[in-house]
Amino acid sequence: MELLEHIKCFLRQNKFYVTHCQTPVNNCRYWCRGIKYYIKSYYYHLDKKITGNTVFFIIDPNISHPGLADRFKAIIGSYYIALQNGFDFKIIFNHPFELHHYLSCAGNKNWIASLGDLSYSLKNSRIIAYNGGGKIPKLNKRIKQYHIYSYIGYDILYTNKINDHNKLWGILFKQLFKPAPVLSEALKALNLKENEYISVHLRFINALEQVEENQFNYLIDSEKEQLIQNCLIGIRNIISEYPGKSILVFSDSNTFLKHVKRELPVVVLDGEVGHISFKNSEDIVLKTFVDFYVMSKSFKIIRILNKNTYATAFSYHAALAGGKECIDYQI
């Protein structure tokens, strides 16, 4: 099993595989998974009368899921598919937390649904996958419901070269979501003013400590120390480049945040960080949403990159959600 995870990790980082093989491989995987869903839960007889046409994005607690940014990418992409086909859009997201506890419906877009809203009759429903690396599917209006269980965290707007795809992604995000009361109160308590700070983001995965399962970018102690010092130098340079702006530093590494908080005149928000696929206590989940929204209100977001840090989608899509600029800073 560990060998298989090493192979999968290698393939995810291989440009040839990602460019030429990943989409057809995922199509095959999702087709097989769809057959399992049909056999287990669906039937031919009519179970309920359905009015209208709806795409449902469903978080199934029985399969593994990626981080918050990848889920957002799949949700926004699925929403776009629904819009393009003249369908309503609903989300069933109750595991490992309830999405509507942190995000409310924006405007008149009521996306909250439950399993009881689903029809499992083949006279009403079909299963499709969200393969963000592929084409935008055309849906059949004679099918009342399309159910999306399987997805990949790719931006289908970018893949299909939709005009102004970055701007559109942020528009679609705001059409669906606004902070729920618990998130709004947490953001209000920070007393941060939009556009008056720079957000600096570093994602190490497992380079400094164990953060994610089935990732293998481990470093020895001397390499860890060198990486930390190089990143601190990069942040010092950013501080010098933006006098008069507060610098907020975000990371997936609690180890690095302790270093930067101790050694540099920057702001580090309180709380333990964690990847929601592996750690999903209420405090960690709330902090994940707080970090995303605080970044989205920045003057600018800067991702610090080198061979041992990861070009994270989290801060990039926070920038899209807020209509802000995101740049990369190589060290």
Protein backbone atom coordinates (compact mmCIF):
# COMPACT_ATOMS: atom_id res chain seq x y z
CA MET A 1 0.00 0.00 0.00
CA GLU A 2 2.80 2.45 0.82
CA LEU A 3 4.47 1.64 -2.53
CA LEU A 4 1.20 2.47 -4.29
CA GLU A 5 1.01 5.82 -2.48
CA HIS A 6 4.61 6.59 -3.54
CA ILE A 7 3.68 5.85 -7.15
CA LYS A 8 0.58 8.05 -6.96
CA CYS A 9 2.60 10.87 -5.39
CA PHE A 10 5.19 10.59 -8.18
CA LEU A 11 2.55 10.66 -10.90
CA ARG A 12 0.84 13.75 -9.42
CA GLN A 13 4.15 15.60 -9.77
CA ASN A 14 4.95 14.30 -13.27
CA LYS A 15 4.11 16.90 -15.93
CA PHE A 16 3.68 14.36 -18.74
CA TYR A 17 1.23 12.30 -16.70
CA VAL A 18 -0.73 15.35 -15.54
CA THR A 19 -0.91 16.80 -19.07
CA HIS A 20 -1.62 13.68 -21.10
CA CYS A 21 -2.83 10.89 -18.82
CA GLN A 22 -4.55 12.20 -15.71
CA THR A 23 -7.88 13.18 -17.28
CA PRO A 24 -8.52 9.84 -19.07
CA VAL A 25 -7.30 7.87 -16.04
CA ASN A 26 -9.67 9.82 -13.79
CA ASN A 27 -12.52 9.34 -16.25
CA CYS A 28 -11.98 5.59 -15.96
CA ARG A 29 -11.75 5.71 -12.16
CA TYR A 30 -14.87 7.81 -11.84
CA TRP A 31 -16.80 5.57 -14.25
CA CYS A 32 -15.96 2.52 -12.12
CA ARG A 33 -16.92 4.35 -8.93
CA GLY A 34 -20.17 5.46 -10.53
CA ILE A 35 -21.05 1.85 -11.35
CA LYS A 36 -20.56 1.00 -7.66
CA TYR A 37 -22.90 3.81 -6.63
CA TYR A 38 -25.53 2.66 -9.13
CA ILE A 39 -25.37 -0.94 -7.90
CA LYS A 40 -25.46 0.02 -4.22
CA SER A 41 -28.04 2.83 -4.09
CA TYR A 42 -29.95 3.37 -7.34
CA TYR A 43 -32.95 1.58 -8.86
CA TYR A 44 -35.37 1.85 -11.78
CA HIS A 45 -38.72 2.40 -10.10
CA LEU A 46 -39.89 5.96 -9.45
CA ASP A 47 -39.33 7.09 -5.85
CA LYS A 48 -40.58 10.70 -6.01
CA LYS A 49 -41.80 13.32 -8.43
CA ILE A 50 -39.15 15.93 -9.17
CA THR A 51 -39.76 19.40 -10.56
CA GLY A 52 -36.99 21.39 -12.19
CA ASN A 53 -33.42 20.35 -12.95
CA THR A 54 -30.65 20.33 -10.37
CA VAL A 55 -26.96 19.46 -10.14
CA PHE A 56 -26.03 18.16 -6.67
CA PHE A 57 -22.42 18.29 -5.45
CA ILE A 58 -22.16 15.67 -2.71
CA ILE A 59 -19.40 15.09 -0.15
CA ASP A 60 -19.56 11.35 0.49
CA PRO A 61 -18.05 10.54 3.92
CA ASN A 62 -17.11 7.07 2.70
CA ILE A 63 -14.43 8.25 0.24
CA SER A 64 -11.33 10.38 0.74
CA HIS A 65 -11.33 14.09 -0.06
CA PRO A 66 -8.69 16.78 -0.69
CA GLY A 67 -8.22 20.08 1.14
CA LEU A 68 -10.54 23.07 1.25
CA ALA A 69 -9.19 24.85 -1.84
CA ASP A 70 -9.59 21.76 -4.03
CA ARG A 71 -13.13 21.32 -2.74
CA PHE A 72 -13.86 24.96 -3.56
CA LYS A 73 -12.48 24.49 -7.08
CA ALA A 74 -14.70 21.47 -7.66
CA ILE A 75 -17.75 23.22 -6.19
CA ILE A 76 -17.30 26.37 -8.28
CA GLY A 77 -16.63 24.28 -11.39
CA SER A 78 -19.75 22.19 -10.77
CA TYR A 79 -21.77 25.35 -10.21
CA TYR A 80 -20.53 26.69 -13.54
CA ILE A 81 -21.56 23.45 -15.28
CA ALA A 82 -25.03 23.82 -13.76
CA LEU A 83 -25.31 27.44 -14.90
CA GLN A 84 -24.14 26.64 -18.42
CA ASN A 85 -26.81 23.97 -18.72
CA GLY A 86 -29.65 25.92 -17.12
CA PHE A 87 -29.77 23.77 -13.97
CA ASP A 88 -30.15 24.73 -10.32
CA PHE A 89 -27.23 23.91 -8.04
CA LYS A 90 -27.15 22.36 -4.58
CA ILE A 91 -24.43 21.22 -2.20
CA ILE A 92 -24.57 18.37 0.33
CA PHE A 93 -21.53 18.95 2.53
CA ASN A 94 -21.94 17.60 6.05
CA HIS A 95 -18.68 15.71 6.59
CA PRO A 96 -16.30 16.10 8.36
CA PHE A 97 -18.05 19.40 9.13
CA GLU A 98 -21.17 21.16 7.93
CA LEU A 99 -20.22 23.73 5.32
CA HIS A 100 -23.21 25.93 6.12
CA HIS A 101 -21.90 26.34 9.67
CA TYR A 102 -19.08 28.46 8.21
CA LEU A 103 -20.52 29.76 4.93
CA SER A 104 -24.03 31.07 4.36
CA CYS A 105 -25.98 31.40 1.13
CA ALA A 106 -25.26 34.65 -0.68
CA GLY A 107 -28.13 36.54 -2.23
CA ASN A 108 -30.90 34.29 -3.49
CA LYS A 109 -28.65 31.27 -4.13
CA ASN A 110 -29.88 28.65 -1.67
CA TRP A 111 -27.33 25.89 -2.24
CA ILE A 112 -27.94 23.96 1.00
CA ALA A 113 -29.42 20.49 0.50
CA SER A 114 -29.63 17.14 2.29
CA LEU A 115 -29.59 13.52 1.21
CA GLY A 116 -33.36 13.51 1.52
CA ASP A 117 -33.52 15.84 -1.50
CA LEU A 118 -31.95 13.21 -3.75
CA SER A 119 -33.90 10.88 -6.00
CA TYR A 120 -32.20 7.53 -6.53
CA SER A 121 -34.55 6.55 -9.33
CA LEU A 122 -32.95 6.18 -12.75
CA LYS A 123 -36.13 7.75 -14.12
CA ASN A 124 -35.01 10.98 -12.44
CA SER A 125 -31.28 10.89 -11.83
CA ARG A 126 -27.84 10.16 -13.23
CA ILE A 127 -24.35 10.18 -11.73
CA ILE A 128 -21.64 12.30 -13.32
CA ALA A 129 -18.12 13.11 -12.17
CA TYR A 130 -16.49 16.51 -11.99
CA ASN A 131 -13.28 16.08 -13.94
CA GLY A 132 -11.93 19.60 -13.91
CA GLY A 133 -9.22 18.70 -16.40
CA GLY A 134 -11.78 17.85 -19.08
CA LYS A 135 -14.46 19.53 -21.16
CA ILE A 136 -17.62 21.15 -19.79
CA PRO A 137 -20.32 18.46 -20.05
CA LYS A 138 -23.66 19.01 -21.74
CA LEU A 139 -26.53 17.88 -19.51
CA ASN A 140 -29.86 16.44 -20.59
CA LYS A 141 -32.89 18.43 -19.39
CA ARG A 142 -34.94 15.20 -19.39
CA ILE A 143 -32.78 14.11 -16.44
CA LYS A 144 -34.06 15.90 -13.35
CA GLN A 145 -31.00 15.44 -11.13
CA TYR A 146 -27.29 14.94 -11.72
CA HIS A 147 -25.32 13.70 -8.71
CA ILE A 148 -21.60 14.49 -8.39
CA TYR A 149 -19.76 12.30 -5.89
CA SER A 150 -16.35 12.04 -7.59
CA TYR A 151 -14.25 15.08 -8.36
CA ILE A 152 -10.75 16.40 -8.79
CA GLY A 153 -9.66 19.77 -7.46
CA TYR A 154 -9.04 21.41 -10.83
CA ASP A 155 -10.46 24.69 -12.08
CA ILE A 156 -12.58 23.86 -15.13
CA LEU A 157 -12.77 27.56 -16.05
CA TYR A 158 -8.99 27.68 -16.44
CA THR A 159 -8.81 24.31 -18.19
CA ASN A 160 -11.36 25.39 -20.79
CA LYS A 161 -9.81 28.85 -21.25
CA ILE A 162 -13.01 30.68 -20.35
CA ASN A 163 -12.67 34.44 -20.88
CA ASP A 164 -11.54 36.26 -17.71
CA HIS A 165 -11.63 32.93 -15.88
CA ASN A 166 -9.89 34.29 -12.78
CA LYS A 167 -12.35 37.15 -12.41
CA LEU A 168 -15.28 34.83 -13.16
CA TRP A 169 -14.17 32.36 -10.49
CA GLY A 170 -14.36 35.10 -7.86
CA ILE A 171 -17.77 36.23 -9.12
CA LEU A 172 -19.15 32.70 -8.92
CA PHE A 173 -17.70 32.22 -5.44
CA LYS A 174 -19.43 35.37 -4.20
CA GLN A 175 -22.69 34.34 -5.84
CA LEU A 176 -22.73 31.24 -3.65
CA PHE A 177 -20.99 32.12 -0.41
CA LYS A 178 -20.73 34.69 2.33
CA PRO A 179 -19.38 34.18 5.86
CA ALA A 180 -21.83 32.58 8.27
CA PRO A 181 -22.22 34.20 11.73
CA VAL A 182 -19.51 32.10 13.40
CA LEU A 183 -17.00 33.04 10.70
CA SER A 184 -18.13 36.67 10.56
CA GLU A 185 -17.60 37.06 14.32
CA ALA A 186 -14.13 35.50 14.11
CA LEU A 187 -13.16 37.85 11.27
CA LYS A 188 -14.61 40.89 13.04
CA ALA A 189 -12.60 40.10 16.18
CA LEU A 190 -9.34 40.43 14.21
CA ASN A 191 -10.07 44.09 13.43
CA LEU A 192 -8.21 43.96 10.10
CA LYS A 193 -8.98 46.53 7.41
CA GLU A 194 -9.18 45.37 3.81
CA ASN A 195 -6.21 46.25 1.55
CA GLU A 196 -4.07 47.48 4.45
CA TYR A 197 -1.87 44.38 4.76
CA ILE A 198 0.14 41.93 2.67
CA SER A 199 -0.47 38.20 3.09
CA VAL A 200 2.58 35.96 2.74
CA HIS A 201 1.86 32.25 2.37
CA LEU A 202 4.19 29.26 2.55
CA ARG A 203 3.12 25.66 2.16
CA PHE A 204 5.68 23.06 3.22
CA ILE A 205 3.48 19.92 3.30
CA ASN A 206 5.76 17.51 5.21
CA ALA A 207 9.10 19.27 4.76
CA LEU A 208 9.23 20.58 8.35
CA GLU A 209 6.81 18.26 10.17
CA GLN A 210 4.15 15.66 9.39
CA VAL A 211 1.11 17.54 8.05
CA GLU A 212 -0.40 15.31 5.37
CA GLU A 213 -0.61 11.58 4.82
CA ASN A 214 0.88 9.99 1.70
CA GLN A 215 3.22 12.90 0.95
CA PHE A 216 6.92 12.16 1.06
CA ASN A 217 8.88 15.43 0.88
CA TYR A 218 10.73 14.78 4.14
CA LEU A 219 13.95 16.65 4.99
CA ILE A 220 16.74 15.95 7.45
CA ASP A 221 17.24 18.41 10.32
CA SER A 222 20.00 20.43 8.65
CA GLU A 223 17.88 20.81 5.50
CA LYS A 224 14.91 21.90 7.58
CA GLU A 225 16.96 24.60 9.30
CA GLN A 226 18.34 25.86 5.99
CA LEU A 227 14.85 26.00 4.51
CA ILE A 228 13.51 27.94 7.48
CA GLN A 229 16.36 30.47 7.30
CA ASN A 230 15.92 30.94 3.54
CA CYS A 231 12.20 31.58 4.00
CA LEU A 232 12.86 34.05 6.82
CA ILE A 233 15.26 35.94 4.56
CA GLY A 234 12.57 36.02 1.88
CA ILE A 235 10.04 37.48 4.31
CA ARG A 236 12.57 40.09 5.48
CA ASN A 237 12.99 41.17 1.86
CA ILE A 238 9.20 41.42 1.44
CA ILE A 239 8.97 43.57 4.59
CA SER A 240 11.56 45.93 3.05
CA GLU A 241 9.70 46.05 -0.27
CA TYR A 242 6.39 47.06 1.30
CA PRO A 243 7.09 49.72 3.95
CA GLY A 244 3.97 50.93 5.66
CA LYS A 245 2.09 47.69 5.09
CA SER A 246 1.52 45.13 7.82
CA ILE A 247 2.77 41.68 6.86
CA LEU A 248 0.59 38.70 7.80
CA VAL A 249 2.26 35.30 7.47
CA PHE A 250 0.33 32.10 6.83
CA SER A 251 1.59 28.56 6.56
CA ASP A 252 0.58 24.92 6.91
CA SER A 253 3.53 24.45 9.28
CA ASN A 254 3.06 25.27 12.95
CA THR A 255 6.83 24.86 13.33
CA PHE A 256 7.56 27.62 10.83
CA LEU A 257 4.91 29.94 12.25
CA LYS A 258 6.57 29.68 15.68
CA HIS A 259 9.91 30.66 14.14
CA VAL A 260 8.57 33.60 12.14
CA LYS A 261 6.50 34.93 15.04
CA ARG A 262 9.55 34.87 17.28
CA GLU A 263 12.07 36.34 14.84
CA LEU A 264 10.27 38.84 12.57
CA PRO A 265 8.00 41.91 12.99
CA VAL A 266 5.01 40.26 11.33
CA VAL A 267 1.50 39.22 12.32
CA VAL A 268 0.66 35.54 12.78
CA LEU A 269 -2.97 34.80 13.54
CA ASP A 270 -3.66 32.76 16.66
CA GLY A 271 -4.58 29.10 16.48
CA GLU A 272 -3.20 25.77 15.32
CA VAL A 273 -3.18 25.12 11.59
CA GLY A 274 -4.05 21.75 10.12
CA HIS A 275 -5.14 20.10 6.90
CA ILE A 276 -8.90 19.53 7.12
CA SER A 277 -8.63 16.13 5.43
CA PHE A 278 -6.64 14.84 8.39
CA LYS A 279 -7.45 17.20 11.28
CA ASN A 280 -10.98 18.54 11.49
CA SER A 281 -11.62 19.79 15.00
CA GLU A 282 -13.89 22.83 15.11
CA ASP A 283 -10.97 25.13 15.99
CA ILE A 284 -8.83 23.95 13.07
CA VAL A 285 -11.69 24.10 10.57
CA LEU A 286 -12.66 27.61 11.68
CA LYS A 287 -9.05 28.79 11.43
CA THR A 288 -8.84 27.37 7.90
CA PHE A 289 -11.83 29.48 6.84
CA VAL A 290 -10.52 32.52 8.72
CA ASP A 291 -7.15 32.24 6.97
CA PHE A 292 -8.84 31.94 3.57
CA TYR A 293 -11.03 35.01 4.09
CA VAL A 294 -8.30 37.13 5.67
CA MET A 295 -6.07 36.41 2.67
CA SER A 296 -8.94 37.32 0.34
CA LYS A 297 -9.06 40.81 1.89
CA SER A 298 -5.32 41.48 1.48
CA PHE A 299 -3.82 44.24 -0.62
CA LYS A 300 -1.79 41.47 -2.23
CA ILE A 301 -0.94 37.81 -1.61
CA ILE A 302 2.63 36.57 -2.00
CA ARG A 303 3.46 32.87 -2.21
CA ILE A 304 7.05 32.08 -1.25
CA LEU A 305 8.38 29.28 -3.45
CA ASN A 306 11.47 27.15 -3.81
CA LYS A 307 12.13 23.48 -4.49
CA ASN A 308 10.92 22.51 -0.99
CA THR A 309 7.75 24.60 -0.85
CA TYR A 310 4.54 23.99 -2.76
CA ALA A 311 2.68 26.35 -5.12
CA THR A 312 -0.46 26.12 -3.05
CA ALA A 313 -3.92 26.68 -4.51
CA PHE A 314 -5.23 27.80 -1.13
CA SER A 315 -3.86 31.34 -1.18
CA TYR A 316 -4.19 31.62 -4.97
CA HIS A 317 -7.92 30.92 -4.84
CA ALA A 318 -8.32 33.13 -1.78
CA ALA A 319 -6.97 35.88 -4.04
CA LEU A 320 -9.50 34.97 -6.75
CA ALA A 321 -12.33 34.96 -4.20
CA GLY A 322 -11.39 38.48 -3.12
CA GLY A 323 -10.42 39.80 -6.54
CA LYS A 324 -6.85 40.38 -5.36
CA GLU A 325 -3.44 39.95 -6.94
CA CYS A 326 -1.40 36.84 -6.12
CA ILE A 327 2.29 36.78 -7.01
CA ASP A 328 5.07 34.24 -6.51
CA TYR A 329 8.33 35.10 -4.74
CA GLN A 330 11.17 32.73 -5.56
CA ILE A 331 13.90 32.20 -2.96
